[in-house]
Amino acid sequence: MTTLAMPRPRRDSGMEGMVAKWYAANTAEMMNQYVELAQRIAGELTAGSSVLEVAPGPGYFSIELAKRGHYSITGLDLSHTFVEMAAKRAAQAGVNVRFVQGSASDMPLPANSFDFLLCRAAFKNFGQPVAALQEMCRVLKPGGRALIIDLRGDASPNEIRRQVNDMGLTRVNRLLTQLAFRHFLLRRAYTKQQFEQMLAPTSFSQSQVTESGVGLEISMTK
């Protein structure tokens, strides 16, 4: 396999304070996406499954999943603000989801603990992506599955524009989101080939990287 250039290593950084609150309000306008994803994943899980969401942010997906079945759900986020916000939202929704603070590349969680793991729209922000993949493998039970959904690093400006326009955002948030994609998110996102390169040294028994519109879906089995 040809070695590809990767983004420069960097420190993990979580959204805090007003930035986190803006993100939560902005993504709340796309709640239908979280509902659809929760319905999809619930159809793939058995009752009593232990689930980990890595970087859940405000907790929308985990909370929606908890409404759809009897699961043991944990959310791990680097941001103190998001952990507090998500825990409050779960309590208000009357569901039992545990949110803890910690880094994706050094999870404060025991090995062989989860049947399923999800990381949506966050992997590109991890400062140590290979370490994060190795940690995902470590905390899964043997035979456990992981799914990463994220932006495709080689998505074109026109593809991004169409995607943002379809999000149903207000005019101001649509403009801000397009700027974020153009000047920040795309620079950190990975291509299919880069993901395949990062997965090579991990201990997953199976992995598949699939392009889907402006995004990627990375499926892994321990």
N, C-alpha and C. Protein backbone atom coordinates (compact mmCIF):
# COMPACT_ATOMS: atom_id res chain seq x y z
N MET A 1 0.83 -1.19 0.00
CA MET A 1 0.00 0.00 0.00
C MET A 1 0.88 1.25 0.00
N THR A 2 0.55 2.19 -0.87
CA THR A 2 1.29 3.44 -0.94
C THR A 2 1.05 4.27 0.32
N THR A 3 2.11 4.80 0.90
CA THR A 3 1.96 5.64 2.09
C THR A 3 1.48 7.02 1.68
N LEU A 4 0.38 7.45 2.26
CA LEU A 4 -0.22 8.74 1.92
C LEU A 4 0.11 9.78 2.97
N ALA A 5 0.13 11.03 2.55
CA ALA A 5 0.35 12.13 3.50
C ALA A 5 -0.86 12.23 4.43
N MET A 6 -0.58 12.45 5.71
CA MET A 6 -1.63 12.55 6.71
C MET A 6 -1.61 13.95 7.33
N PRO A 7 -2.74 14.41 7.89
CA PRO A 7 -2.71 15.68 8.60
C PRO A 7 -1.69 15.65 9.74
N ARG A 8 -1.13 16.80 10.06
CA ARG A 8 -0.12 16.87 11.11
C ARG A 8 -0.70 16.50 12.47
N PRO A 9 0.08 15.77 13.30
CA PRO A 9 -0.38 15.46 14.65
C PRO A 9 -0.68 16.73 15.43
N ARG A 10 -1.66 16.67 16.31
CA ARG A 10 -2.04 17.84 17.09
C ARG A 10 -2.64 17.37 18.41
N ARG A 11 -2.81 18.28 19.30
CA ARG A 11 -3.44 17.97 20.59
C ARG A 11 -4.94 17.88 20.42
N ASP A 12 -5.56 16.97 21.18
CA ASP A 12 -7.01 16.92 21.20
C ASP A 12 -7.55 18.21 21.80
N SER A 13 -8.64 18.69 21.27
CA SER A 13 -9.27 19.88 21.83
C SER A 13 -10.78 19.72 21.74
N GLY A 14 -11.46 19.94 22.84
CA GLY A 14 -12.91 19.82 22.88
C GLY A 14 -13.58 21.17 22.86
N MET A 15 -14.80 21.23 22.36
CA MET A 15 -15.57 22.47 22.39
C MET A 15 -16.05 22.73 23.80
N GLU A 16 -15.88 23.95 24.26
CA GLU A 16 -16.32 24.32 25.59
C GLU A 16 -17.12 25.61 25.54
N GLY A 17 -17.86 25.86 26.60
CA GLY A 17 -18.54 27.14 26.77
C GLY A 17 -19.50 27.49 25.64
N MET A 18 -19.42 28.74 25.18
CA MET A 18 -20.34 29.25 24.19
C MET A 18 -20.21 28.54 22.84
N VAL A 19 -18.99 28.10 22.50
CA VAL A 19 -18.80 27.38 21.24
C VAL A 19 -19.59 26.07 21.27
N ALA A 20 -19.53 25.36 22.38
CA ALA A 20 -20.27 24.11 22.52
C ALA A 20 -21.77 24.37 22.47
N LYS A 21 -22.22 25.44 23.08
CA LYS A 21 -23.65 25.76 23.09
C LYS A 21 -24.13 26.12 21.68
N TRP A 22 -23.28 26.85 20.92
CA TRP A 22 -23.66 27.15 19.53
C TRP A 22 -23.75 25.87 18.72
N TYR A 23 -22.79 24.98 18.89
CA TYR A 23 -22.80 23.72 18.15
C TYR A 23 -24.05 22.92 18.48
N ALA A 24 -24.41 22.87 19.75
CA ALA A 24 -25.59 22.11 20.17
C ALA A 24 -26.85 22.68 19.54
N ALA A 25 -26.96 24.02 19.52
CA ALA A 25 -28.14 24.64 18.93
C ALA A 25 -28.18 24.42 17.42
N ASN A 26 -27.02 24.49 16.78
CA ASN A 26 -26.94 24.31 15.33
C ASN A 26 -27.32 22.89 14.92
N THR A 27 -26.75 21.90 15.60
CA THR A 27 -27.02 20.52 15.25
C THR A 27 -28.42 20.08 15.66
N ALA A 28 -29.03 20.77 16.61
CA ALA A 28 -30.40 20.44 16.99
C ALA A 28 -31.37 20.66 15.82
N GLU A 29 -30.98 21.54 14.89
CA GLU A 29 -31.81 21.79 13.71
C GLU A 29 -31.80 20.59 12.77
N MET A 30 -30.88 19.65 13.00
CA MET A 30 -30.80 18.44 12.17
C MET A 30 -31.24 17.20 12.96
N MET A 31 -32.15 17.37 13.90
CA MET A 31 -32.54 16.28 14.79
C MET A 31 -33.06 15.06 14.03
N ASN A 32 -33.67 15.29 12.88
CA ASN A 32 -34.19 14.16 12.11
C ASN A 32 -33.08 13.19 11.72
N GLN A 33 -31.85 13.69 11.53
CA GLN A 33 -30.73 12.82 11.18
C GLN A 33 -30.36 11.90 12.35
N TYR A 34 -30.41 12.45 13.56
CA TYR A 34 -30.12 11.63 14.74
C TYR A 34 -31.21 10.58 14.95
N VAL A 35 -32.45 10.97 14.72
CA VAL A 35 -33.57 10.03 14.86
C VAL A 35 -33.44 8.89 13.86
N GLU A 36 -33.14 9.23 12.61
CA GLU A 36 -33.00 8.20 11.57
C GLU A 36 -31.83 7.26 11.87
N LEU A 37 -30.72 7.82 12.34
CA LEU A 37 -29.56 6.99 12.65
C LEU A 37 -29.86 6.08 13.84
N ALA A 38 -30.55 6.61 14.85
CA ALA A 38 -30.91 5.79 16.02
C ALA A 38 -31.83 4.65 15.61
N GLN A 39 -32.77 4.92 14.72
CA GLN A 39 -33.66 3.86 14.24
C GLN A 39 -32.87 2.79 13.48
N ARG A 40 -31.93 3.24 12.68
CA ARG A 40 -31.10 2.30 11.92
C ARG A 40 -30.28 1.41 12.84
N ILE A 41 -29.60 2.01 13.81
CA ILE A 41 -28.73 1.23 14.70
C ILE A 41 -29.55 0.33 15.61
N ALA A 42 -30.70 0.82 16.08
CA ALA A 42 -31.55 -0.01 16.94
C ALA A 42 -31.97 -1.28 16.22
N GLY A 43 -32.13 -1.19 14.90
CA GLY A 43 -32.50 -2.37 14.13
C GLY A 43 -31.39 -3.38 14.01
N GLU A 44 -30.16 -2.99 14.35
CA GLU A 44 -29.02 -3.88 14.25
C GLU A 44 -28.58 -4.44 15.60
N LEU A 45 -29.17 -3.94 16.70
CA LEU A 45 -28.75 -4.35 18.04
C LEU A 45 -29.73 -5.32 18.66
N THR A 46 -29.22 -6.16 19.56
CA THR A 46 -30.08 -7.03 20.35
C THR A 46 -30.33 -6.37 21.70
N ALA A 47 -31.43 -6.74 22.33
CA ALA A 47 -31.79 -6.18 23.63
C ALA A 47 -30.67 -6.43 24.63
N GLY A 48 -30.37 -5.42 25.43
CA GLY A 48 -29.33 -5.53 26.43
C GLY A 48 -27.93 -5.24 25.94
N SER A 49 -27.79 -4.86 24.68
CA SER A 49 -26.46 -4.55 24.13
C SER A 49 -25.83 -3.38 24.87
N SER A 50 -24.51 -3.46 25.04
CA SER A 50 -23.76 -2.35 25.62
C SER A 50 -23.20 -1.52 24.47
N VAL A 51 -23.47 -0.22 24.51
CA VAL A 51 -23.15 0.68 23.40
C VAL A 51 -22.29 1.84 23.90
N LEU A 52 -21.27 2.16 23.12
CA LEU A 52 -20.44 3.33 23.42
C LEU A 52 -20.53 4.30 22.25
N GLU A 53 -20.87 5.55 22.54
CA GLU A 53 -20.75 6.61 21.54
C GLU A 53 -19.53 7.44 21.88
N VAL A 54 -18.60 7.52 20.97
CA VAL A 54 -17.38 8.31 21.16
C VAL A 54 -17.63 9.71 20.59
N ALA A 55 -17.41 10.72 21.42
CA ALA A 55 -17.65 12.11 21.06
C ALA A 55 -19.12 12.36 20.74
N PRO A 56 -20.01 12.15 21.71
CA PRO A 56 -21.43 12.34 21.47
C PRO A 56 -21.88 13.79 21.44
N GLY A 57 -21.00 14.72 21.82
CA GLY A 57 -21.41 16.12 21.84
C GLY A 57 -22.59 16.32 22.78
N PRO A 58 -23.68 16.94 22.31
CA PRO A 58 -24.84 17.18 23.17
C PRO A 58 -25.62 15.92 23.52
N GLY A 59 -25.24 14.79 22.94
CA GLY A 59 -25.87 13.52 23.31
C GLY A 59 -27.11 13.15 22.53
N TYR A 60 -27.38 13.82 21.42
CA TYR A 60 -28.63 13.59 20.70
C TYR A 60 -28.81 12.15 20.26
N PHE A 61 -27.76 11.56 19.65
CA PHE A 61 -27.91 10.18 19.17
C PHE A 61 -28.13 9.20 20.32
N SER A 62 -27.29 9.28 21.34
CA SER A 62 -27.40 8.34 22.46
C SER A 62 -28.77 8.39 23.12
N ILE A 63 -29.29 9.60 23.27
CA ILE A 63 -30.61 9.76 23.88
C ILE A 63 -31.69 9.17 23.00
N GLU A 64 -31.61 9.40 21.69
CA GLU A 64 -32.61 8.84 20.78
C GLU A 64 -32.52 7.32 20.75
N LEU A 65 -31.30 6.77 20.80
CA LEU A 65 -31.15 5.32 20.83
C LEU A 65 -31.75 4.74 22.10
N ALA A 66 -31.54 5.41 23.23
CA ALA A 66 -32.06 4.92 24.51
C ALA A 66 -33.59 4.86 24.52
N LYS A 67 -34.22 5.69 23.73
CA LYS A 67 -35.69 5.69 23.64
C LYS A 67 -36.22 4.48 22.88
N ARG A 68 -35.33 3.78 22.18
CA ARG A 68 -35.78 2.75 21.25
C ARG A 68 -35.47 1.32 21.68
N GLY A 69 -34.98 1.15 22.88
CA GLY A 69 -34.72 -0.21 23.32
C GLY A 69 -34.00 -0.23 24.65
N HIS A 70 -33.86 -1.43 25.18
CA HIS A 70 -33.17 -1.62 26.46
C HIS A 70 -31.69 -1.88 26.18
N TYR A 71 -30.91 -0.81 26.28
CA TYR A 71 -29.47 -0.90 26.05
C TYR A 71 -28.73 -0.24 27.20
N SER A 72 -27.47 -0.64 27.37
CA SER A 72 -26.58 0.03 28.32
C SER A 72 -25.70 0.98 27.52
N ILE A 73 -25.97 2.29 27.60
CA ILE A 73 -25.35 3.25 26.71
C ILE A 73 -24.42 4.18 27.49
N THR A 74 -23.21 4.36 26.96
CA THR A 74 -22.23 5.28 27.53
C THR A 74 -21.79 6.24 26.43
N GLY A 75 -21.65 7.51 26.79
CA GLY A 75 -21.10 8.50 25.88
C GLY A 75 -19.80 9.05 26.44
N LEU A 76 -18.76 9.07 25.63
CA LEU A 76 -17.44 9.56 26.06
C LEU A 76 -17.07 10.79 25.25
N ASP A 77 -16.87 11.92 25.93
CA ASP A 77 -16.53 13.15 25.22
C ASP A 77 -15.42 13.89 25.96
N LEU A 78 -14.56 14.55 25.19
CA LEU A 78 -13.46 15.31 25.76
C LEU A 78 -13.94 16.58 26.45
N SER A 79 -15.08 17.09 26.00
CA SER A 79 -15.59 18.38 26.48
C SER A 79 -16.39 18.24 27.77
N HIS A 80 -15.98 18.97 28.80
CA HIS A 80 -16.74 19.01 30.06
C HIS A 80 -18.12 19.61 29.81
N THR A 81 -18.19 20.64 28.96
CA THR A 81 -19.47 21.28 28.68
C THR A 81 -20.44 20.29 28.05
N PHE A 82 -19.97 19.51 27.08
CA PHE A 82 -20.86 18.56 26.42
C PHE A 82 -21.30 17.45 27.38
N VAL A 83 -20.40 16.98 28.23
CA VAL A 83 -20.76 15.93 29.19
C VAL A 83 -21.88 16.42 30.11
N GLU A 84 -21.75 17.63 30.61
CA GLU A 84 -22.78 18.20 31.49
C GLU A 84 -24.08 18.42 30.72
N MET A 85 -23.97 18.95 29.52
CA MET A 85 -25.14 19.23 28.70
C MET A 85 -25.88 17.94 28.35
N ALA A 86 -25.13 16.92 27.92
CA ALA A 86 -25.76 15.66 27.52
C ALA A 86 -26.43 14.96 28.70
N ALA A 87 -25.77 14.97 29.85
CA ALA A 87 -26.35 14.34 31.04
C ALA A 87 -27.65 15.02 31.43
N LYS A 88 -27.69 16.33 31.32
CA LYS A 88 -28.91 17.08 31.64
C LYS A 88 -30.02 16.75 30.65
N ARG A 89 -29.68 16.66 29.38
CA ARG A 89 -30.68 16.33 28.37
C ARG A 89 -31.23 14.92 28.56
N ALA A 90 -30.35 13.97 28.91
CA ALA A 90 -30.81 12.60 29.15
C ALA A 90 -31.78 12.55 30.32
N ALA A 91 -31.47 13.28 31.38
CA ALA A 91 -32.36 13.31 32.54
C ALA A 91 -33.71 13.92 32.16
N GLN A 92 -33.69 14.98 31.38
CA GLN A 92 -34.93 15.62 30.95
C GLN A 92 -35.76 14.69 30.07
N ALA A 93 -35.07 13.86 29.27
CA ALA A 93 -35.77 12.92 28.39
C ALA A 93 -36.23 11.67 29.13
N GLY A 94 -35.76 11.50 30.37
CA GLY A 94 -36.15 10.34 31.16
C GLY A 94 -35.51 9.04 30.71
N VAL A 95 -34.30 9.13 30.15
CA VAL A 95 -33.60 7.92 29.71
C VAL A 95 -32.30 7.76 30.50
N ASN A 96 -31.82 6.53 30.56
CA ASN A 96 -30.62 6.23 31.33
C ASN A 96 -29.42 6.09 30.39
N VAL A 97 -28.66 7.17 30.26
CA VAL A 97 -27.43 7.17 29.47
C VAL A 97 -26.32 7.76 30.35
N ARG A 98 -25.19 7.09 30.40
CA ARG A 98 -24.07 7.57 31.21
C ARG A 98 -23.09 8.34 30.32
N PHE A 99 -22.80 9.57 30.68
CA PHE A 99 -21.84 10.38 29.94
C PHE A 99 -20.61 10.63 30.81
N VAL A 100 -19.43 10.37 30.23
CA VAL A 100 -18.18 10.53 30.97
C VAL A 100 -17.21 11.36 30.15
N GLN A 101 -16.29 12.02 30.84
CA GLN A 101 -15.31 12.87 30.18
C GLN A 101 -14.02 12.08 29.96
N GLY A 102 -13.45 12.24 28.76
CA GLY A 102 -12.19 11.55 28.48
C GLY A 102 -11.82 11.65 27.02
N SER A 103 -10.57 11.29 26.72
CA SER A 103 -10.03 11.38 25.37
C SER A 103 -10.29 10.09 24.60
N ALA A 104 -10.56 10.22 23.31
CA ALA A 104 -10.77 9.05 22.45
C ALA A 104 -9.50 8.23 22.30
N SER A 105 -8.34 8.85 22.45
CA SER A 105 -7.08 8.13 22.29
C SER A 105 -6.55 7.53 23.59
N ASP A 106 -7.27 7.76 24.69
CA ASP A 106 -6.88 7.19 25.99
C ASP A 106 -8.15 7.06 26.83
N MET A 107 -9.01 6.15 26.44
CA MET A 107 -10.34 6.05 27.04
C MET A 107 -10.28 5.53 28.48
N PRO A 108 -10.95 6.22 29.41
CA PRO A 108 -11.00 5.74 30.79
C PRO A 108 -12.06 4.66 30.96
N LEU A 109 -11.98 3.63 30.13
CA LEU A 109 -12.98 2.57 30.09
C LEU A 109 -12.27 1.23 30.02
N PRO A 110 -12.83 0.20 30.63
CA PRO A 110 -12.17 -1.12 30.63
C PRO A 110 -12.24 -1.79 29.26
N ALA A 111 -11.30 -2.69 29.03
CA ALA A 111 -11.25 -3.45 27.78
C ALA A 111 -12.44 -4.41 27.70
N ASN A 112 -12.79 -4.78 26.48
CA ASN A 112 -13.81 -5.82 26.24
C ASN A 112 -15.14 -5.50 26.91
N SER A 113 -15.61 -4.25 26.76
CA SER A 113 -16.78 -3.80 27.50
C SER A 113 -18.03 -3.57 26.64
N PHE A 114 -17.87 -3.37 25.32
CA PHE A 114 -19.00 -2.91 24.52
C PHE A 114 -19.25 -3.81 23.32
N ASP A 115 -20.54 -3.97 23.02
CA ASP A 115 -20.95 -4.75 21.85
C ASP A 115 -20.92 -3.91 20.58
N PHE A 116 -21.17 -2.62 20.73
CA PHE A 116 -21.25 -1.74 19.57
C PHE A 116 -20.70 -0.36 19.94
N LEU A 117 -20.04 0.26 18.97
CA LEU A 117 -19.45 1.59 19.17
C LEU A 117 -19.77 2.46 17.96
N LEU A 118 -20.15 3.70 18.24
CA LEU A 118 -20.43 4.66 17.17
C LEU A 118 -19.60 5.92 17.40
N CYS A 119 -19.07 6.45 16.31
CA CYS A 119 -18.40 7.76 16.34
C CYS A 119 -18.88 8.51 15.10
N ARG A 120 -19.68 9.54 15.31
CA ARG A 120 -20.29 10.25 14.19
C ARG A 120 -19.78 11.70 14.14
N ALA A 121 -19.25 12.09 12.99
CA ALA A 121 -18.88 13.49 12.70
C ALA A 121 -17.85 14.05 13.68
N ALA A 122 -16.98 13.20 14.20
CA ALA A 122 -16.01 13.68 15.19
C ALA A 122 -14.60 13.15 14.96
N PHE A 123 -14.46 12.06 14.25
CA PHE A 123 -13.14 11.41 14.16
C PHE A 123 -12.08 12.35 13.59
N LYS A 124 -12.45 13.19 12.65
CA LYS A 124 -11.47 14.10 12.02
C LYS A 124 -10.88 15.08 13.02
N ASN A 125 -11.51 15.24 14.18
CA ASN A 125 -11.02 16.19 15.19
C ASN A 125 -10.06 15.56 16.19
N PHE A 126 -9.85 14.25 16.11
CA PHE A 126 -8.99 13.57 17.07
C PHE A 126 -7.52 13.83 16.72
N GLY A 127 -6.76 14.24 17.70
CA GLY A 127 -5.35 14.55 17.47
C GLY A 127 -4.49 13.33 17.20
N GLN A 128 -4.88 12.16 17.72
CA GLN A 128 -4.13 10.91 17.53
C GLN A 128 -5.07 9.85 16.95
N PRO A 129 -5.35 9.92 15.66
CA PRO A 129 -6.38 9.06 15.07
C PRO A 129 -6.09 7.57 15.16
N VAL A 130 -4.84 7.16 14.94
CA VAL A 130 -4.54 5.72 15.02
C VAL A 130 -4.71 5.22 16.44
N ALA A 131 -4.26 6.01 17.41
CA ALA A 131 -4.46 5.62 18.82
C ALA A 131 -5.94 5.52 19.15
N ALA A 132 -6.75 6.42 18.57
CA ALA A 132 -8.19 6.36 18.80
C ALA A 132 -8.78 5.07 18.23
N LEU A 133 -8.34 4.68 17.05
CA LEU A 133 -8.81 3.43 16.46
C LEU A 133 -8.40 2.23 17.33
N GLN A 134 -7.17 2.26 17.83
CA GLN A 134 -6.70 1.16 18.68
C GLN A 134 -7.50 1.09 19.98
N GLU A 135 -7.86 2.26 20.53
CA GLU A 135 -8.68 2.29 21.74
C GLU A 135 -10.09 1.77 21.47
N MET A 136 -10.64 2.11 20.31
CA MET A 136 -11.95 1.59 19.95
C MET A 136 -11.93 0.07 19.92
N CYS A 137 -10.89 -0.48 19.36
CA CYS A 137 -10.75 -1.94 19.31
C CYS A 137 -10.61 -2.52 20.71
N ARG A 138 -9.83 -1.87 21.54
CA ARG A 138 -9.58 -2.37 22.90
C ARG A 138 -10.85 -2.47 23.72
N VAL A 139 -11.73 -1.47 23.64
CA VAL A 139 -12.90 -1.45 24.53
C VAL A 139 -14.05 -2.29 23.99
N LEU A 140 -13.97 -2.73 22.73
CA LEU A 140 -15.01 -3.61 22.20
C LEU A 140 -14.83 -5.03 22.71
N LYS A 141 -15.95 -5.72 22.87
CA LYS A 141 -15.89 -7.14 23.18
C LYS A 141 -15.44 -7.91 21.94
N PRO A 142 -14.88 -9.10 22.10
CA PRO A 142 -14.57 -9.92 20.92
C PRO A 142 -15.81 -10.11 20.06
N GLY A 143 -15.69 -9.81 18.79
CA GLY A 143 -16.85 -9.87 17.90
C GLY A 143 -17.66 -8.60 17.88
N GLY A 144 -17.31 -7.63 18.73
CA GLY A 144 -18.02 -6.36 18.76
C GLY A 144 -17.78 -5.55 17.50
N ARG A 145 -18.72 -4.65 17.20
CA ARG A 145 -18.66 -3.88 15.96
C ARG A 145 -18.55 -2.38 16.25
N ALA A 146 -17.88 -1.69 15.35
CA ALA A 146 -17.75 -0.23 15.46
C ALA A 146 -18.13 0.39 14.13
N LEU A 147 -18.69 1.59 14.19
CA LEU A 147 -19.06 2.33 12.99
C LEU A 147 -18.63 3.78 13.15
N ILE A 148 -17.81 4.25 12.23
CA ILE A 148 -17.42 5.66 12.17
C ILE A 148 -18.11 6.28 10.97
N ILE A 149 -18.78 7.39 11.18
CA ILE A 149 -19.41 8.15 10.10
C ILE A 149 -18.80 9.54 10.11
N ASP A 150 -18.20 9.94 9.00
CA ASP A 150 -17.53 11.24 9.01
C ASP A 150 -17.42 11.80 7.60
N LEU A 151 -16.95 13.03 7.54
CA LEU A 151 -16.78 13.74 6.29
C LEU A 151 -15.67 13.11 5.46
N ARG A 152 -15.86 13.09 4.15
CA ARG A 152 -14.84 12.59 3.22
C ARG A 152 -13.89 13.72 2.87
N GLY A 153 -12.61 13.50 3.09
CA GLY A 153 -11.62 14.56 2.94
C GLY A 153 -11.46 15.10 1.53
N ASP A 154 -11.90 14.34 0.53
CA ASP A 154 -11.78 14.80 -0.85
C ASP A 154 -13.13 15.20 -1.44
N ALA A 155 -14.11 15.52 -0.59
CA ALA A 155 -15.40 16.00 -1.08
C ALA A 155 -15.20 17.36 -1.76
N SER A 156 -15.93 17.58 -2.85
CA SER A 156 -15.77 18.82 -3.62
C SER A 156 -16.58 19.95 -3.01
N PRO A 157 -16.23 21.21 -3.31
CA PRO A 157 -17.01 22.35 -2.81
C PRO A 157 -18.49 22.28 -3.19
N ASN A 158 -18.78 21.84 -4.40
CA ASN A 158 -20.18 21.73 -4.83
C ASN A 158 -20.92 20.66 -4.04
N GLU A 159 -20.26 19.55 -3.74
CA GLU A 159 -20.88 18.50 -2.93
C GLU A 159 -21.17 19.01 -1.52
N ILE A 160 -20.23 19.74 -0.96
CA ILE A 160 -20.42 20.30 0.38
C ILE A 160 -21.58 21.29 0.39
N ARG A 161 -21.63 22.14 -0.62
CA ARG A 161 -22.69 23.14 -0.70
C ARG A 161 -24.07 22.48 -0.75
N ARG A 162 -24.20 21.45 -1.56
CA ARG A 162 -25.48 20.75 -1.65
C ARG A 162 -25.83 20.07 -0.34
N GLN A 163 -24.83 19.48 0.31
CA GLN A 163 -25.07 18.80 1.58
C GLN A 163 -25.57 19.78 2.64
N VAL A 164 -24.91 20.92 2.77
CA VAL A 164 -25.31 21.91 3.77
C VAL A 164 -26.70 22.45 3.46
N ASN A 165 -26.99 22.69 2.18
CA ASN A 165 -28.31 23.21 1.81
C ASN A 165 -29.42 22.22 2.15
N ASP A 166 -29.10 20.93 2.20
CA ASP A 166 -30.09 19.90 2.51
C ASP A 166 -30.27 19.66 4.01
N MET A 167 -29.50 20.36 4.83
CA MET A 167 -29.55 20.12 6.27
C MET A 167 -30.75 20.76 6.95
N GLY A 168 -31.41 21.68 6.27
CA GLY A 168 -32.57 22.33 6.87
C GLY A 168 -32.22 23.37 7.90
N LEU A 169 -31.04 23.98 7.78
CA LEU A 169 -30.59 24.98 8.74
C LEU A 169 -31.21 26.35 8.44
N THR A 170 -31.20 27.22 9.44
CA THR A 170 -31.58 28.61 9.20
C THR A 170 -30.54 29.24 8.29
N ARG A 171 -30.88 30.39 7.71
CA ARG A 171 -29.98 31.03 6.74
C ARG A 171 -28.62 31.34 7.35
N VAL A 172 -28.63 31.89 8.57
CA VAL A 172 -27.37 32.27 9.22
C VAL A 172 -26.54 31.03 9.53
N ASN A 173 -27.16 30.00 10.10
CA ASN A 173 -26.41 28.78 10.43
C ASN A 173 -25.95 28.04 9.18
N ARG A 174 -26.71 28.15 8.10
CA ARG A 174 -26.27 27.54 6.85
C ARG A 174 -24.98 28.19 6.35
N LEU A 175 -24.92 29.52 6.43
CA LEU A 175 -23.72 30.24 6.01
C LEU A 175 -22.54 29.90 6.90
N LEU A 176 -22.75 29.89 8.21
CA LEU A 176 -21.67 29.57 9.15
C LEU A 176 -21.18 28.14 8.96
N THR A 177 -22.10 27.23 8.69
CA THR A 177 -21.72 25.83 8.51
C THR A 177 -20.92 25.64 7.22
N GLN A 178 -21.31 26.33 6.16
CA GLN A 178 -20.53 26.26 4.92
C GLN A 178 -19.12 26.78 5.12
N LEU A 179 -18.98 27.86 5.87
CA LEU A 179 -17.64 28.39 6.16
C LEU A 179 -16.83 27.42 7.00
N ALA A 180 -17.48 26.76 7.96
CA ALA A 180 -16.78 25.79 8.80
C ALA A 180 -16.28 24.61 7.98
N PHE A 181 -17.12 24.12 7.08
CA PHE A 181 -16.69 23.03 6.20
C PHE A 181 -15.50 23.45 5.36
N ARG A 182 -15.59 24.62 4.75
CA ARG A 182 -14.57 25.06 3.78
C ARG A 182 -13.23 25.34 4.44
N HIS A 183 -13.24 26.01 5.60
CA HIS A 183 -11.99 26.51 6.17
C HIS A 183 -11.46 25.68 7.35
N PHE A 184 -12.25 24.72 7.81
CA PHE A 184 -11.83 23.99 9.01
C PHE A 184 -12.01 22.48 8.87
N LEU A 185 -13.24 22.04 8.61
CA LEU A 185 -13.53 20.61 8.67
C LEU A 185 -12.86 19.81 7.56
N LEU A 186 -12.92 20.32 6.32
CA LEU A 186 -12.31 19.58 5.21
C LEU A 186 -10.81 19.41 5.38
N ARG A 187 -10.17 20.39 6.00
CA ARG A 187 -8.73 20.32 6.19
C ARG A 187 -8.34 19.20 7.15
N ARG A 188 -9.26 18.81 8.01
CA ARG A 188 -8.97 17.76 8.99
C ARG A 188 -9.50 16.39 8.58
N ALA A 189 -10.42 16.37 7.62
CA ALA A 189 -11.06 15.12 7.24
C ALA A 189 -10.11 14.21 6.46
N TYR A 190 -10.42 12.90 6.47
CA TYR A 190 -9.59 11.90 5.82
C TYR A 190 -10.28 11.32 4.59
N THR A 191 -9.47 10.85 3.66
CA THR A 191 -10.00 10.14 2.50
C THR A 191 -10.15 8.65 2.82
N LYS A 192 -10.79 7.94 1.91
CA LYS A 192 -10.93 6.49 2.07
C LYS A 192 -9.56 5.83 2.18
N GLN A 193 -8.64 6.23 1.33
CA GLN A 193 -7.31 5.62 1.33
C GLN A 193 -6.56 5.90 2.63
N GLN A 194 -6.72 7.09 3.18
CA GLN A 194 -6.06 7.41 4.45
C GLN A 194 -6.63 6.57 5.59
N PHE A 195 -7.94 6.37 5.60
CA PHE A 195 -8.54 5.52 6.63
C PHE A 195 -8.01 4.08 6.51
N GLU A 196 -7.93 3.59 5.30
CA GLU A 196 -7.42 2.23 5.12
C GLU A 196 -5.99 2.12 5.63
N GLN A 197 -5.21 3.16 5.43
CA GLN A 197 -3.83 3.18 5.92
C GLN A 197 -3.78 3.19 7.44
N MET A 198 -4.67 3.97 8.07
CA MET A 198 -4.69 4.05 9.54
C MET A 198 -5.18 2.75 10.16
N LEU A 199 -6.07 2.04 9.48
CA LEU A 199 -6.62 0.80 10.02
C LEU A 199 -5.63 -0.36 9.95
N ALA A 200 -4.65 -0.26 9.05
CA ALA A 200 -3.72 -1.36 8.82
C ALA A 200 -3.02 -1.86 10.09
N PRO A 201 -2.51 -0.96 10.98
CA PRO A 201 -1.80 -1.46 12.16
C PRO A 201 -2.69 -1.83 13.34
N THR A 202 -4.01 -1.70 13.20
CA THR A 202 -4.91 -2.01 14.32
C THR A 202 -5.19 -3.50 14.38
N SER A 203 -5.91 -3.90 15.44
CA SER A 203 -6.18 -5.33 15.66
C SER A 203 -7.59 -5.74 15.27
N PHE A 204 -8.29 -4.90 14.51
CA PHE A 204 -9.61 -5.31 14.04
C PHE A 204 -9.48 -6.51 13.11
N SER A 205 -10.39 -7.47 13.25
CA SER A 205 -10.34 -8.64 12.38
C SER A 205 -10.88 -8.34 10.99
N GLN A 206 -11.81 -7.37 10.92
CA GLN A 206 -12.38 -6.98 9.65
C GLN A 206 -12.61 -5.47 9.64
N SER A 207 -12.49 -4.86 8.48
CA SER A 207 -12.80 -3.43 8.35
C SER A 207 -13.17 -3.14 6.90
N GLN A 208 -14.04 -2.18 6.72
CA GLN A 208 -14.46 -1.78 5.39
C GLN A 208 -14.73 -0.29 5.38
N VAL A 209 -14.21 0.42 4.40
CA VAL A 209 -14.40 1.86 4.26
C VAL A 209 -15.25 2.10 3.02
N THR A 210 -16.41 2.73 3.20
CA THR A 210 -17.35 2.94 2.11
C THR A 210 -17.63 4.43 1.95
N GLU A 211 -17.57 4.90 0.72
CA GLU A 211 -17.92 6.29 0.45
C GLU A 211 -19.43 6.41 0.33
N SER A 212 -19.97 7.49 0.95
CA SER A 212 -21.40 7.72 0.92
C SER A 212 -21.65 9.22 0.81
N GLY A 213 -21.91 9.69 -0.41
CA GLY A 213 -22.08 11.12 -0.63
C GLY A 213 -20.82 11.88 -0.26
N VAL A 214 -20.95 12.90 0.60
CA VAL A 214 -19.78 13.67 1.03
C VAL A 214 -19.08 13.01 2.22
N GLY A 215 -19.57 11.83 2.61
CA GLY A 215 -19.02 11.20 3.81
C GLY A 215 -18.42 9.83 3.57
N LEU A 216 -17.94 9.27 4.67
CA LEU A 216 -17.41 7.91 4.70
C LEU A 216 -18.09 7.16 5.82
N GLU A 217 -18.29 5.86 5.63
CA GLU A 217 -18.71 4.98 6.70
C GLU A 217 -17.64 3.91 6.85
N ILE A 218 -17.07 3.83 8.04
CA ILE A 218 -16.01 2.86 8.31
C ILE A 218 -16.57 1.83 9.28
N SER A 219 -16.73 0.61 8.80
CA SER A 219 -17.26 -0.49 9.62
C SER A 219 -16.11 -1.38 10.05
N MET A 220 -16.09 -1.73 11.33
CA MET A 220 -15.00 -2.54 11.88
C MET A 220 -15.55 -3.60 12.83
N THR A 221 -14.91 -4.74 12.84
CA THR A 221 -15.27 -5.83 13.74
C THR A 221 -14.02 -6.28 14.47
N LYS A 222 -14.14 -6.45 15.79
CA LYS A 222 -12.98 -6.89 16.58
C LYS A 222 -12.75 -8.38 16.38
